[in-house]
PDB file of all heavy atoms in Angstrom:
ATOM      1  N   TRP A   1     164.632 104.921 120.613  1.00  0.00           N
ATOM      2  CA  TRP A   1     166.043 104.949 121.016  1.00  0.00           C
ATOM      3  C   TRP A   1     166.791 103.693 120.588  1.00  0.00           C
ATOM      4  O   TRP A   1     167.904 103.790 120.081  1.00  0.00           O
ATOM      5  CB  TRP A   1     166.189 105.191 122.518  1.00  0.00           C
ATOM      6  CG  TRP A   1     165.717 104.047 123.375  1.00  0.00           C
ATOM      7  CD1 TRP A   1     164.448 103.849 123.836  1.00  0.00           C
ATOM      8  CD2 TRP A   1     166.493 102.955 123.852  1.00  0.00           C
ATOM      9  NE1 TRP A   1     164.384 102.695 124.566  1.00  0.00           N
ATOM     10  CE2 TRP A   1     165.630 102.113 124.598  1.00  0.00           C
ATOM     11  CE3 TRP A   1     167.833 102.581 123.728  1.00  0.00           C
ATOM     12  CZ2 TRP A   1     166.054 100.947 125.209  1.00  0.00           C
ATOM     13  CZ3 TRP A   1     168.262 101.412 124.344  1.00  0.00           C
ATOM     14  CH2 TRP A   1     167.378 100.610 125.065  1.00  0.00           C
ATOM     15  N   LEU A   2     166.185 102.507 120.761  1.00  0.00           N
ATOM     16  CA  LEU A   2     166.911 101.278 120.454  1.00  0.00           C
ATOM     17  C   LEU A   2     167.145 101.096 118.953  1.00  0.00           C
ATOM     18  O   LEU A   2     168.290 100.827 118.550  1.00  0.00           O
ATOM     19  CB  LEU A   2     166.199 100.061 121.062  1.00  0.00           C
ATOM     20  CG  LEU A   2     166.954  98.740 120.962  1.00  0.00           C
ATOM     21  CD1 LEU A   2     168.360  98.845 121.557  1.00  0.00           C
ATOM     22  CD2 LEU A   2     166.165  97.631 121.649  1.00  0.00           C
ATOM     23  N   PRO A   3     166.142 101.278 118.095  1.00  0.00           N
ATOM     24  CA  PRO A   3     166.425 101.177 116.655  1.00  0.00           C
ATOM     25  C   PRO A   3     167.473 102.202 116.194  1.00  0.00           C
ATOM     26  O   PRO A   3     168.307 101.895 115.335  1.00  0.00           O
ATOM     27  CB  PRO A   3     165.070 101.435 115.986  1.00  0.00           C
ATOM     28  CG  PRO A   3     164.054 101.150 117.028  1.00  0.00           C
ATOM     29  CD  PRO A   3     164.703 101.441 118.352  1.00  0.00           C
ATOM     30  N   LYS A   4     167.427 103.389 116.795  1.00  0.00           N
ATOM     31  CA  LYS A   4     168.414 104.411 116.431  1.00  0.00           C
ATOM     32  C   LYS A   4     169.819 103.967 116.826  1.00  0.00           C
ATOM     33  O   LYS A   4     170.759 104.105 116.044  1.00  0.00           O
ATOM     34  CB  LYS A   4     168.069 105.757 117.074  1.00  0.00           C
ATOM     35  CG  LYS A   4     166.869 106.431 116.440  1.00  0.00           C
ATOM     36  CD  LYS A   4     166.544 107.741 117.131  1.00  0.00           C
ATOM     37  CE  LYS A   4     165.350 108.408 116.476  1.00  0.00           C
ATOM     38  NZ  LYS A   4     165.002 109.668 117.141  1.00  0.00           N
ATOM     39  N   LEU A   5     169.971 103.434 118.041  1.00  0.00           N
ATOM     40  CA  LEU A   5     171.297 102.983 118.472  1.00  0.00           C
ATOM     41  C   LEU A   5     171.786 101.840 117.596  1.00  0.00           C
ATOM     42  O   LEU A   5     172.966 101.794 117.227  1.00  0.00           O
ATOM     43  CB  LEU A   5     171.289 102.552 119.941  1.00  0.00           C
ATOM     44  CG  LEU A   5     170.927 103.599 120.995  1.00  0.00           C
ATOM     45  CD1 LEU A   5     171.244 103.073 122.388  1.00  0.00           C
ATOM     46  CD2 LEU A   5     171.605 104.917 120.750  1.00  0.00           C
ATOM     47  N   ARG A   6     170.886 100.937 117.244  1.00  0.00           N
ATOM     48  CA  ARG A   6     171.272  99.816 116.378  1.00  0.00           C
ATOM     49  C   ARG A   6     171.660 100.279 114.983  1.00  0.00           C
ATOM     50  O   ARG A   6     172.396  99.591 114.285  1.00  0.00           O
ATOM     51  CB  ARG A   6     170.143  98.790 116.322  1.00  0.00           C
ATOM     52  CG  ARG A   6     170.003  98.019 117.613  1.00  0.00           C
ATOM     53  CD  ARG A   6     168.935  96.969 117.545  1.00  0.00           C
ATOM     54  NE  ARG A   6     168.910  96.171 118.772  1.00  0.00           N
ATOM     55  CZ  ARG A   6     167.851  95.531 119.202  1.00  0.00           C
ATOM     56  NH1 ARG A   6     166.712  95.565 118.521  1.00  0.00           N
ATOM     57  NH2 ARG A   6     167.904  94.828 120.326  1.00  0.00           N
ATOM     58  N   ALA A   7     171.168 101.456 114.595  1.00  0.00           N
ATOM     59  CA  ALA A   7     171.512 102.038 113.285  1.00  0.00           C
ATOM     60  C   ALA A   7     172.720 102.973 113.401  1.00  0.00           C
ATOM     61  O   ALA A   7     172.999 103.740 112.476  1.00  0.00           O
ATOM     62  CB  ALA A   7     170.308 102.786 112.716  1.00  0.00           C
ATOM     63  N   PHE A   8     173.418 102.914 114.536  1.00  0.00           N
ATOM     64  CA  PHE A   8     174.607 103.733 114.788  1.00  0.00           C
ATOM     65  C   PHE A   8     174.298 105.231 114.738  1.00  0.00           C
ATOM     66  O   PHE A   8     175.077 106.027 114.246  1.00  0.00           O
ATOM     67  CB  PHE A   8     175.744 103.365 113.822  1.00  0.00           C
ATOM     68  CG  PHE A   8     176.224 101.956 113.997  1.00  0.00           C
ATOM     69  CD1 PHE A   8     175.703 100.919 113.233  1.00  0.00           C
ATOM     70  CD2 PHE A   8     177.174 101.658 114.959  1.00  0.00           C
ATOM     71  CE1 PHE A   8     176.123  99.611 113.420  1.00  0.00           C
ATOM     72  CE2 PHE A   8     177.613 100.348 115.150  1.00  0.00           C
ATOM     73  CZ  PHE A   8     177.078  99.325 114.371  1.00  0.00           C
ATOM     74  N   ASP A   9     173.130 105.574 115.283  1.00  0.00           N
ATOM     75  CA  ASP A   9     172.685 106.963 115.387  1.00  0.00           C
ATOM     76  C   ASP A   9     172.873 107.388 116.844  1.00  0.00           C
ATOM     77  O   ASP A   9     172.209 106.863 117.739  1.00  0.00           O
ATOM     78  CB  ASP A   9     171.216 107.050 114.969  1.00  0.00           C
ATOM     79  CG  ASP A   9     170.605 108.428 115.129  1.00  0.00           C
ATOM     80  OD1 ASP A   9     171.280 109.350 115.647  1.00  0.00           O
ATOM     81  OD2 ASP A   9     169.425 108.579 114.748  1.00  0.00           O
ATOM     82  N   ALA A  10     173.763 108.337 117.088  1.00  0.00           N
ATOM     83  CA  ALA A  10     174.062 108.776 118.455  1.00  0.00           C
ATOM     84  C   ALA A  10     173.083 109.829 118.975  1.00  0.00           C
ATOM     85  O   ALA A  10     173.185 110.238 120.132  1.00  0.00           O
ATOM     86  CB  ALA A  10     175.489 109.309 118.527  1.00  0.00           C
ATOM     87  N   SER A  11     172.135 110.252 118.161  1.00  0.00           N
ATOM     88  CA  SER A  11     171.251 111.349 118.561  1.00  0.00           C
ATOM     89  C   SER A  11     170.463 111.097 119.851  1.00  0.00           C
ATOM     90  O   SER A  11     170.249 112.042 120.614  1.00  0.00           O
ATOM     91  CB  SER A  11     170.299 111.725 117.426  1.00  0.00           C
ATOM     92  OG  SER A  11     169.376 110.689 117.162  1.00  0.00           O
ATOM     93  N   PRO A  12     170.034 109.862 120.170  1.00  0.00           N
ATOM     94  CA  PRO A  12     169.293 109.692 121.434  1.00  0.00           C
ATOM     95  C   PRO A  12     170.106 110.103 122.668  1.00  0.00           C
ATOM     96  O   PRO A  12     169.527 110.573 123.656  1.00  0.00           O
ATOM     97  CB  PRO A  12     168.972 108.195 121.463  1.00  0.00           C
ATOM     98  CG  PRO A  12     168.909 107.810 120.013  1.00  0.00           C
ATOM     99  CD  PRO A  12     169.998 108.634 119.361  1.00  0.00           C
ATOM    100  N   TYR A  13     171.415 109.950 122.620  1.00  0.00           N
ATOM    101  CA  TYR A  13     172.238 110.355 123.764  1.00  0.00           C
ATOM    102  C   TYR A  13     172.195 111.873 123.954  1.00  0.00           C
ATOM    103  O   TYR A  13     172.240 112.358 125.079  1.00  0.00           O
ATOM    104  CB  TYR A  13     173.683 109.890 123.582  1.00  0.00           C
ATOM    105  CG  TYR A  13     173.837 108.389 123.594  1.00  0.00           C
ATOM    106  CD1 TYR A  13     174.061 107.686 122.422  1.00  0.00           C
ATOM    107  CD2 TYR A  13     173.756 107.676 124.787  1.00  0.00           C
ATOM    108  CE1 TYR A  13     174.214 106.302 122.429  1.00  0.00           C
ATOM    109  CE2 TYR A  13     173.900 106.293 124.809  1.00  0.00           C
ATOM    110  CZ  TYR A  13     174.126 105.613 123.622  1.00  0.00           C
ATOM    111  OH  TYR A  13     174.268 104.251 123.639  1.00  0.00           O
ATOM    112  N   ALA A  14     172.130 112.595 122.867  1.00  0.00           N
ATOM    113  CA  ALA A  14     172.070 114.057 122.944  1.00  0.00           C
ATOM    114  C   ALA A  14     170.659 114.540 123.277  1.00  0.00           C
ATOM    115  O   ALA A  14     170.492 115.551 123.957  1.00  0.00           O
ATOM    116  CB  ALA A  14     172.530 114.665 121.618  1.00  0.00           C
ATOM    117  N   GLU A  15     169.641 113.810 122.803  1.00  0.00           N
ATOM    118  CA  GLU A  15     168.242 114.237 122.958  1.00  0.00           C
ATOM    119  C   GLU A  15     167.623 113.829 124.287  1.00  0.00           C
ATOM    120  O   GLU A  15     166.542 114.302 124.628  1.00  0.00           O
ATOM    121  CB  GLU A  15     167.400 113.629 121.830  1.00  0.00           C
ATOM    122  CG  GLU A  15     167.788 114.121 120.462  1.00  0.00           C
ATOM    123  CD  GLU A  15     167.161 113.307 119.340  1.00  0.00           C
ATOM    124  OE1 GLU A  15     166.337 112.396 119.623  1.00  0.00           O
ATOM    125  OE2 GLU A  15     167.501 113.574 118.179  1.00  0.00           O
ATOM    126  N   ALA A  16     168.268 112.970 125.027  1.00  0.00           N
ATOM    127  CA  ALA A  16     167.690 112.462 126.276  1.00  0.00           C
ATOM    128  C   ALA A  16     167.322 113.610 127.215  1.00  0.00           C
ATOM    129  O   ALA A  16     168.100 114.543 127.412  1.00  0.00           O
ATOM    130  CB  ALA A  16     168.679 111.517 126.960  1.00  0.00           C
ATOM    131  N   GLU A  17     166.142 113.507 127.773  1.00  0.00           N
ATOM    132  CA  GLU A  17     165.697 114.485 128.770  1.00  0.00           C
ATOM    133  C   GLU A  17     166.404 114.208 130.092  1.00  0.00           C
ATOM    134  O   GLU A  17     166.916 113.111 130.318  1.00  0.00           O
ATOM    135  CB  GLU A  17     164.181 114.385 128.972  1.00  0.00           C
ATOM    136  CG  GLU A  17     163.368 114.730 127.743  1.00  0.00           C
ATOM    137  CD  GLU A  17     163.414 116.196 127.371  1.00  0.00           C
ATOM    138  OE1 GLU A  17     163.572 117.040 128.286  1.00  0.00           O
ATOM    139  OE2 GLU A  17     163.301 116.495 126.179  1.00  0.00           O
ATOM    140  N   VAL A  18     166.394 115.182 130.967  1.00  0.00           N
ATOM    141  CA  VAL A  18     166.960 115.003 132.305  1.00  0.00           C
ATOM    142  C   VAL A  18     165.997 114.159 133.140  1.00  0.00           C
ATOM    143  O   VAL A  18     164.798 114.125 132.873  1.00  0.00           O
ATOM    144  CB  VAL A  18     167.243 116.351 132.995  1.00  0.00           C
ATOM    145  CG1 VAL A  18     168.239 117.164 132.195  1.00  0.00           C
ATOM    146  CG2 VAL A  18     165.963 117.133 133.228  1.00  0.00           C
ATOM    147  N   MET A  19     166.527 113.502 134.150  1.00  0.00           N
ATOM    148  CA  MET A  19     165.696 112.658 135.014  1.00  0.00           C
ATOM    149  C   MET A  19     165.490 113.266 136.403  1.00  0.00           C
ATOM    150  O   MET A  19     164.780 112.705 137.225  1.00  0.00           O
ATOM    151  CB  MET A  19     166.320 111.271 135.138  1.00  0.00           C
ATOM    152  CG  MET A  19     166.327 110.541 133.805  1.00  0.00           C
ATOM    153  SD  MET A  19     166.948 108.857 133.934  1.00  0.00           S
ATOM    154  CE  MET A  19     165.616 108.071 134.851  1.00  0.00           C
ATOM    155  N   HIS A  20     166.148 114.390 136.653  1.00  0.00           N
ATOM    156  CA  HIS A  20     166.098 115.012 137.978  1.00  0.00           C
ATOM    157  C   HIS A  20     166.124 116.528 137.807  1.00  0.00           C
ATOM    158  O   HIS A  20     166.368 117.038 136.719  1.00  0.00           O
ATOM    159  CB  HIS A  20     167.305 114.575 138.826  1.00  0.00           C
ATOM    160  CG  HIS A  20     167.471 113.099 138.893  1.00  0.00           C
ATOM    161  ND1 HIS A  20     166.740 112.307 139.737  1.00  0.00           N
ATOM    162  CD2 HIS A  20     168.282 112.253 138.192  1.00  0.00           C
ATOM    163  CE1 HIS A  20     167.086 111.039 139.573  1.00  0.00           C
ATOM    164  NE2 HIS A  20     168.015 110.987 138.637  1.00  0.00           N
ATOM    165  N   ASN A  21     165.934 117.231 138.896  1.00  0.00           N
ATOM    166  CA  ASN A  21     166.089 118.679 138.900  1.00  0.00           C
ATOM    167  C   ASN A  21     167.599 118.946 138.836  1.00  0.00           C
ATOM    168  O   ASN A  21     168.304 118.825 139.838  1.00  0.00           O
ATOM    169  CB  ASN A  21     165.473 119.257 140.176  1.00  0.00           C
ATOM    170  CG  ASN A  21     165.678 120.742 140.309  1.00  0.00           C
ATOM    171  OD1 ASN A  21     166.622 121.327 139.775  1.00  0.00           O
ATOM    172  ND2 ASN A  21     164.786 121.377 141.053  1.00  0.00           N
ATOM    173  N   MET A  22     168.096 119.272 137.647  1.00  0.00           N
ATOM    174  CA  MET A  22     169.539 119.383 137.445  1.00  0.00           C
ATOM    175  C   MET A  22     170.136 120.608 138.131  1.00  0.00           C
ATOM    176  O   MET A  22     171.295 120.589 138.532  1.00  0.00           O
ATOM    177  CB  MET A  22     169.868 119.386 135.956  1.00  0.00           C
ATOM    178  CG  MET A  22     169.440 118.091 135.264  1.00  0.00           C
ATOM    179  SD  MET A  22     170.005 116.600 136.111  1.00  0.00           S
ATOM    180  CE  MET A  22     171.374 116.175 135.085  1.00  0.00           C
ATOM    181  N   SER A  23     169.349 121.656 138.282  1.00  0.00           N
ATOM    182  CA  SER A  23     169.836 122.843 138.996  1.00  0.00           C
ATOM    183  C   SER A  23     170.113 122.495 140.454  1.00  0.00           C
ATOM    184  O   SER A  23     171.163 122.841 141.006  1.00  0.00           O
ATOM    185  CB  SER A  23     168.805 123.963 138.875  1.00  0.00           C
ATOM    186  OG  SER A  23     169.189 125.063 139.633  1.00  0.00           O
ATOM    187  N   LEU A  24     169.184 121.785 141.068  1.00  0.00           N
ATOM    188  CA  LEU A  24     169.360 121.370 142.455  1.00  0.00           C
ATOM    189  C   LEU A  24     170.509 120.358 142.565  1.00  0.00           C
ATOM    190  O   LEU A  24     171.342 120.456 143.477  1.00  0.00           O
ATOM    191  CB  LEU A  24     168.064 120.760 142.999  1.00  0.00           C
ATOM    192  CG  LEU A  24     168.085 120.323 144.460  1.00  0.00           C
ATOM    193  CD1 LEU A  24     168.392 121.491 145.384  1.00  0.00           C
ATOM    194  CD2 LEU A  24     166.744 119.677 144.829  1.00  0.00           C
ATOM    195  N   LEU A  25     170.579 119.422 141.636  1.00  0.00           N
ATOM    196  CA  LEU A  25     171.662 118.447 141.643  1.00  0.00           C
ATOM    197  C   LEU A  25     173.017 119.147 141.550  1.00  0.00           C
ATOM    198  O   LEU A  25     173.937 118.840 142.301  1.00  0.00           O
ATOM    199  CB  LEU A  25     171.496 117.442 140.494  1.00  0.00           C
ATOM    200  CG  LEU A  25     172.579 116.371 140.388  1.00  0.00           C
ATOM    201  CD1 LEU A  25     172.639 115.514 141.648  1.00  0.00           C
ATOM    202  CD2 LEU A  25     172.342 115.503 139.149  1.00  0.00           C
ATOM    203  N   ALA A  26     173.123 120.115 140.661  1.00  0.00           N
ATOM    204  CA  ALA A  26     174.381 120.852 140.505  1.00  0.00           C
ATOM    205  C   ALA A  26     174.750 121.575 141.800  1.00  0.00           C
ATOM    206  O   ALA A  26     175.924 121.569 142.206  1.00  0.00           O
ATOM    207  CB  ALA A  26     174.274 121.843 139.349  1.00  0.00           C
ATOM    208  N   ARG A  27     173.774 122.193 142.455  1.00  0.00           N
ATOM    209  CA  ARG A  27     174.061 122.884 143.730  1.00  0.00           C
ATOM    210  C   ARG A  27     174.602 121.911 144.769  1.00  0.00           C
ATOM    211  O   ARG A  27     175.583 122.198 145.445  1.00  0.00           O
ATOM    212  CB  ARG A  27     172.807 123.591 144.257  1.00  0.00           C
ATOM    213  CG  ARG A  27     172.537 124.917 143.585  1.00  0.00           C
ATOM    214  CD  ARG A  27     171.556 125.755 144.386  1.00  0.00           C
ATOM    215  NE  ARG A  27     170.261 125.138 144.552  1.00  0.00           N
ATOM    216  CZ  ARG A  27     169.234 125.269 143.711  1.00  0.00           C
ATOM    217  NH1 ARG A  27     169.365 126.007 142.626  1.00  0.00           N
ATOM    218  NH2 ARG A  27     168.083 124.681 143.953  1.00  0.00           N
ATOM    219  N   TYR A  28     173.942 120.764 144.898  1.00  0.00           N
ATOM    220  CA  TYR A  28     174.400 119.756 145.862  1.00  0.00           C
ATOM    221  C   TYR A  28     175.812 119.287 145.522  1.00  0.00           C
ATOM    222  O   TYR A  28     176.666 119.170 146.403  1.00  0.00           O
ATOM    223  CB  TYR A  28     173.452 118.555 145.870  1.00  0.00           C
ATOM    224  CG  TYR A  28     172.171 118.733 146.638  1.00  0.00           C
ATOM    225  CD1 TYR A  28     171.728 119.969 147.076  1.00  0.00           C
ATOM    226  CD2 TYR A  28     171.372 117.638 146.918  1.00  0.00           C
ATOM    227  CE1 TYR A  28     170.542 120.109 147.774  1.00  0.00           C
ATOM    228  CE2 TYR A  28     170.179 117.759 147.630  1.00  0.00           C
ATOM    229  CZ  TYR A  28     169.777 119.000 148.042  1.00  0.00           C
ATOM    230  OH  TYR A  28     168.595 119.137 148.741  1.00  0.00           O
ATOM    231  N   LEU A  29     176.044 118.988 144.254  1.00  0.00           N
ATOM    232  CA  LEU A  29     177.355 118.467 143.861  1.00  0.00           C
ATOM    233  C   LEU A  29     178.454 119.494 144.083  1.00  0.00           C
ATOM    234  O   LEU A  29     179.546 119.148 144.564  1.00  0.00           O
ATOM    235  CB  LEU A  29     177.332 117.999 142.401  1.00  0.00           C
ATOM    236  CG  LEU A  29     176.428 116.795 142.120  1.00  0.00           C
ATOM    237  CD1 LEU A  29     176.461 116.442 140.642  1.00  0.00           C
ATOM    238  CD2 LEU A  29     176.802 115.603 142.985  1.00  0.00           C
ATOM    239  N   ASN A  30     178.183 120.742 143.771  1.00  0.00           N
ATOM    240  CA  ASN A  30     179.196 121.784 143.984  1.00  0.00           C
ATOM    241  C   ASN A  30     179.494 121.968 145.474  1.00  0.00           C
ATOM    242  O   ASN A  30     180.651 122.152 145.858  1.00  0.00           O
ATOM    243  CB  ASN A  30     178.776 123.088 143.315  1.00  0.00           C
ATOM    244  CG  ASN A  30     178.943 123.022 141.812  1.00  0.00           C
ATOM    245  OD1 ASN A  30     179.939 122.504 141.314  1.00  0.00           O
ATOM    246  ND2 ASN A  30     177.967 123.526 141.074  1.00  0.00           N
ATOM    247  N   LYS A  31     178.464 121.885 146.317  1.00  0.00           N
ATOM    248  CA  LYS A  31     178.682 121.981 147.765  1.00  0.00           C
ATOM    249  C   LYS A  31     179.513 120.803 148.258  1.00  0.00           C
ATOM    250  O   LYS A  31     180.440 120.969 149.062  1.00  0.00           O
ATOM    251  CB  LYS A  31     177.344 122.016 148.515  1.00  0.00           C
ATOM    252  CG  LYS A  31     176.609 123.333 148.419  1.00  0.00           C
ATOM    253  CD  LYS A  31     175.278 123.268 149.174  1.00  0.00           C
ATOM    254  CE  LYS A  31     174.511 124.552 149.002  1.00  0.00           C
ATOM    255  NZ  LYS A  31     173.192 124.492 149.682  1.00  0.00           N
ATOM    256  N   LEU A  32     179.177 119.614 147.799  1.00  0.00           N
ATOM    257  CA  LEU A  32     179.916 118.426 148.237  1.00  0.00           C
ATOM    258  C   LEU A  32     181.364 118.474 147.759  1.00  0.00           C
ATOM    259  O   LEU A  32     182.279 118.089 148.491  1.00  0.00           O
ATOM    260  CB  LEU A  32     179.219 117.157 147.737  1.00  0.00           C
ATOM    261  CG  LEU A  32     177.937 116.821 148.508  1.00  0.00           C
ATOM    262  CD1 LEU A  32     177.081 115.837 147.735  1.00  0.00           C
ATOM    263  CD2 LEU A  32     178.272 116.276 149.893  1.00  0.00           C
ATOM    264  N   GLN A  33     181.573 118.982 146.571  1.00  0.00           N
ATOM    265  CA  GLN A  33     182.943 119.096 146.059  1.00  0.00           C
ATOM    266  C   GLN A  33     183.753 120.065 146.916  1.00  0.00           C
ATOM    267  O   GLN A  33     184.914 119.806 147.224  1.00  0.00           O
ATOM    268  CB  GLN A  33     182.912 119.536 144.595  1.00  0.00           C
ATOM    269  CG  GLN A  33     184.164 119.190 143.827  1.00  0.00           C
ATOM    270  CD  GLN A  33     183.979 119.396 142.337  1.00  0.00           C
ATOM    271  OE1 GLN A  33     183.312 120.341 141.907  1.00  0.00           O
ATOM    272  NE2 GLN A  33     184.570 118.516 141.558  1.00  0.00           N
ATOM    273  N   LYS A  34     183.123 121.156 147.345  1.00  0.00           N
ATOM    274  CA  LYS A  34     183.815 122.110 148.225  1.00  0.00           C
ATOM    275  C   LYS A  34     184.155 121.482 149.574  1.00  0.00           C
ATOM    276  O   LYS A  34     185.109 121.899 150.236  1.00  0.00           O
ATOM    277  CB  LYS A  34     182.965 123.370 148.420  1.00  0.00           C
ATOM    278  CG  LYS A  34     182.968 124.269 147.203  1.00  0.00           C
ATOM    279  CD  LYS A  34     182.112 125.485 147.396  1.00  0.00           C
ATOM    280  CE  LYS A  34     182.140 126.311 146.122  1.00  0.00           C
ATOM    281  NZ  LYS A  34     180.963 127.126 145.947  1.00  0.00           N
ATOM    282  N   LEU A  35     183.378 120.468 149.976  1.00  0.00           N
ATOM    283  CA  LEU A  35     183.646 119.756 151.225  1.00  0.00           C
ATOM    284  C   LEU A  35     184.720 118.679 151.054  1.00  0.00           C
ATOM    285  O   LEU A  35     185.067 118.000 152.021  1.00  0.00           O
ATOM    286  CB  LEU A  35     182.363 119.117 151.761  1.00  0.00           C
ATOM    287  CG  LEU A  35     181.287 120.085 152.262  1.00  0.00           C
ATOM    288  CD1 LEU A  35     179.987 119.347 152.565  1.00  0.00           C
ATOM    289  CD2 LEU A  35     181.790 120.819 153.506  1.00  0.00           C
ATOM    290  N   GLY A  36     185.195 118.502 149.824  1.00  0.00           N
ATOM    291  CA  GLY A  36     186.276 117.544 149.603  1.00  0.00           C
ATOM    292  C   GLY A  36     185.909 116.293 148.828  1.00  0.00           C
ATOM    293  O   GLY A  36     186.769 115.456 148.559  1.00  0.00           O
ATOM    294  N   PHE A  37     184.647 116.143 148.484  1.00  0.00           N
ATOM    295  CA  PHE A  37     184.253 114.998 147.673  1.00  0.00           C
ATOM    296  C   PHE A  37     184.722 115.194 146.233  1.00  0.00           C
ATOM    297  O   PHE A  37     184.749 116.316 145.726  1.00  0.00           O
ATOM    298  CB  PHE A  37     182.725 114.824 147.662  1.00  0.00           C
ATOM    299  CG  PHE A  37     182.174 114.263 148.932  1.00  0.00           C
ATOM    300  CD1 PHE A  37     181.834 115.091 149.986  1.00  0.00           C
ATOM    301  CD2 PHE A  37     181.984 112.893 149.083  1.00  0.00           C
ATOM    302  CE1 PHE A  37     181.321 114.586 151.165  1.00  0.00           C
ATOM    303  CE2 PHE A  37     181.468 112.367 150.260  1.00  0.00           C
ATOM    304  CZ  PHE A  37     181.136 113.219 151.300  1.00  0.00           C
TER     305      PHE A  37
END
């Protein structure tokens, strides 16, 4: 990732894996948004 960024290659930003269960995160965020967050 670092040599790529230094070479002005943006691909690591697109290729990065998720760090959490994104389906669960999305559910929580959508619920919180409905509550006014």
